[in-house]
Amino acid sequence: MPFRRDHRHRGPPPPEAYGRVTNPERFRPLHRYAVALLDRLRTDYAVDVTAAFVFPYGMQPFTPARPPVTLTPKDPGAAPVAVAFTTFPSVVVRCGRWLVESFPACGPWEPAGRGPSNW
C-alpha cells in the first residue's frame, strides 16, 4: 500500500497541542518493560550494575519513582547505558556521554531552554 500524506496538517502541530498530558498512566508499562530489558542486558552481556544516573548539563533533576540503573560494560571501549524512572511515568535513557532520550517524548524533564518544565 503506498504511503499517503494527510494534507490537513501542514507543518508542526501548534504548541498548545502539547501543553497538557491526558491519562499519563497509560505509560506505566514502560517501567516494567525497561526493567525487563535491563535484566536481559545484564544476563546477556558482561556489565557492572549500579543504582546511579548522572544528570547531564541542563537537565532538571527529578525525584525518581524507583532507583535508577546504570549498566557499565566491562569493555573499556564501550559506553554505559543508564535508565531513570520518573513519576510521570516515563523513563529517561542515557547512552554514553551525549545521548539522552525520554520515553515518551512528552515526559516531564526538559533540558534548559527546550520547552515547558512543568508538564
Protein backbone atom coordinates (compact mmCIF):
# COMPACT_ATOMS: atom_id res chain seq x y z
CA MET A 1 0.00 0.00 0.00
CA PRO A 2 1.51 3.37 -0.97
CA PHE A 3 2.11 5.99 1.68
CA ARG A 4 -0.48 8.78 1.73
CA ARG A 5 0.29 12.05 3.41
CA ASP A 6 -2.66 13.71 5.13
CA HIS A 7 -2.62 17.26 3.79
CA ARG A 8 -4.91 18.65 6.50
CA HIS A 9 -1.90 19.07 8.80
CA ARG A 10 0.89 21.11 7.30
CA GLY A 11 3.92 21.88 9.43
CA PRO A 12 4.43 21.10 13.10
CA PRO A 13 1.48 20.92 15.49
CA PRO A 14 0.63 24.09 17.40
CA PRO A 15 2.33 24.46 20.82
CA GLU A 16 -0.99 24.19 22.67
CA ALA A 17 -1.39 20.66 21.30
CA TYR A 18 1.36 19.53 23.69
CA GLY A 19 0.73 21.85 26.63
CA ARG A 20 -1.06 19.14 28.61
CA VAL A 21 -0.98 15.40 29.01
CA THR A 22 -4.10 13.33 29.50
CA ASN A 23 -4.06 9.88 31.09
CA PRO A 24 -0.31 9.63 31.82
CA GLU A 25 -0.92 6.23 33.48
CA ARG A 26 -1.04 4.69 30.00
CA PHE A 27 2.76 4.98 30.07
CA ARG A 28 3.13 2.96 33.31
CA PRO A 29 4.06 -0.26 31.40
CA LEU A 30 7.26 1.49 30.28
CA HIS A 31 8.72 0.93 33.76
CA ARG A 32 8.06 -2.83 33.62
CA TYR A 33 9.40 -3.08 30.08
CA ALA A 34 12.56 -1.10 30.93
CA VAL A 35 13.26 -3.30 33.98
CA ALA A 36 12.80 -6.46 31.88
CA LEU A 37 15.12 -5.09 29.18
CA LEU A 38 17.77 -4.11 31.75
CA ASP A 39 17.57 -7.62 33.28
CA ARG A 40 18.05 -9.16 29.84
CA LEU A 41 21.04 -6.93 29.07
CA ARG A 42 22.54 -7.78 32.48
CA THR A 43 22.33 -11.51 31.81
CA ASP A 44 23.41 -11.40 28.15
CA TYR A 45 26.40 -9.05 28.45
CA ALA A 46 29.39 -8.54 30.72
CA VAL A 47 28.36 -5.42 32.64
CA ASP A 48 28.61 -3.92 36.11
CA VAL A 49 25.30 -2.75 37.55
CA THR A 50 24.94 0.31 39.78
CA ALA A 51 21.98 2.31 41.09
CA ALA A 52 23.10 5.60 39.58
CA PHE A 53 22.05 8.15 36.99
CA VAL A 54 24.21 11.16 36.16
CA PHE A 55 22.08 14.13 35.11
CA PRO A 56 23.55 15.77 32.01
CA TYR A 57 24.19 19.50 31.93
CA GLY A 58 20.93 21.43 31.60
CA MET A 59 18.67 18.60 32.71
CA GLN A 60 16.27 19.43 35.52
CA PRO A 61 16.78 16.91 38.35
CA PHE A 62 13.68 14.97 39.34
CA THR A 63 12.62 12.60 42.08
CA PRO A 64 12.79 9.06 40.70
CA ALA A 65 9.88 6.64 41.02
CA ARG A 66 12.34 3.81 41.66
CA PRO A 67 16.12 3.57 41.85
CA PRO A 68 17.88 4.22 38.54
CA VAL A 69 20.01 1.56 36.89
CA THR A 70 23.32 2.02 35.08
CA LEU A 71 24.89 -0.81 33.10
CA THR A 72 28.59 -0.22 32.55
CA PRO A 73 30.22 -2.65 30.11
CA LYS A 74 33.41 -4.33 31.29
CA ASP A 75 34.89 -3.47 27.89
CA PRO A 76 36.54 -0.06 28.42
CA GLY A 77 35.76 0.92 24.82
CA ALA A 78 32.00 0.53 25.28
CA ALA A 79 29.59 3.13 26.63
CA PRO A 80 27.33 2.79 29.67
CA VAL A 81 23.54 2.77 29.48
CA ALA A 82 21.60 4.40 32.31
CA VAL A 83 17.85 4.41 32.91
CA ALA A 84 15.99 6.68 35.31
CA PHE A 85 12.35 6.10 36.18
CA THR A 86 10.18 9.22 36.61
CA THR A 87 6.90 9.54 38.47
CA PHE A 88 5.24 10.89 35.30
CA PRO A 89 5.53 7.81 34.50
CA SER A 90 8.27 7.76 31.92
CA VAL A 91 11.84 6.58 31.56
CA VAL A 92 14.87 8.68 30.76
CA VAL A 93 17.60 6.75 28.97
CA ARG A 94 21.17 7.91 28.78
CA CYS A 95 23.54 6.16 26.38
CA GLY A 96 27.16 7.15 26.68
CA ARG A 97 28.05 10.76 27.32
CA TRP A 98 25.82 12.68 24.91
CA LEU A 99 22.62 10.81 24.06
CA VAL A 100 19.70 11.35 26.45
CA GLU A 101 16.13 10.47 25.46
CA SER A 102 12.84 10.44 27.33
CA PHE A 103 10.15 7.86 26.62
CA PRO A 104 7.55 9.05 25.97
CA ALA A 105 8.96 12.23 24.49
CA CYS A 106 6.26 14.23 26.29
CA GLY A 107 7.77 13.26 29.65
CA PRO A 108 8.32 15.78 32.42
CA TRP A 109 12.01 16.59 32.01
CA GLU A 110 13.26 19.20 29.62
CA PRO A 111 16.81 20.45 29.12
CA ALA A 112 17.10 24.16 29.85
CA GLY A 113 15.57 26.28 27.12
CA ARG A 114 13.92 23.38 25.30
CA GLY A 115 10.33 23.76 26.43
CA PRO A 116 7.95 23.70 29.38
CA SER A 117 9.40 22.38 32.62
CA ASN A 118 6.09 21.94 34.43
CA TRP A 119 4.50 19.17 32.38
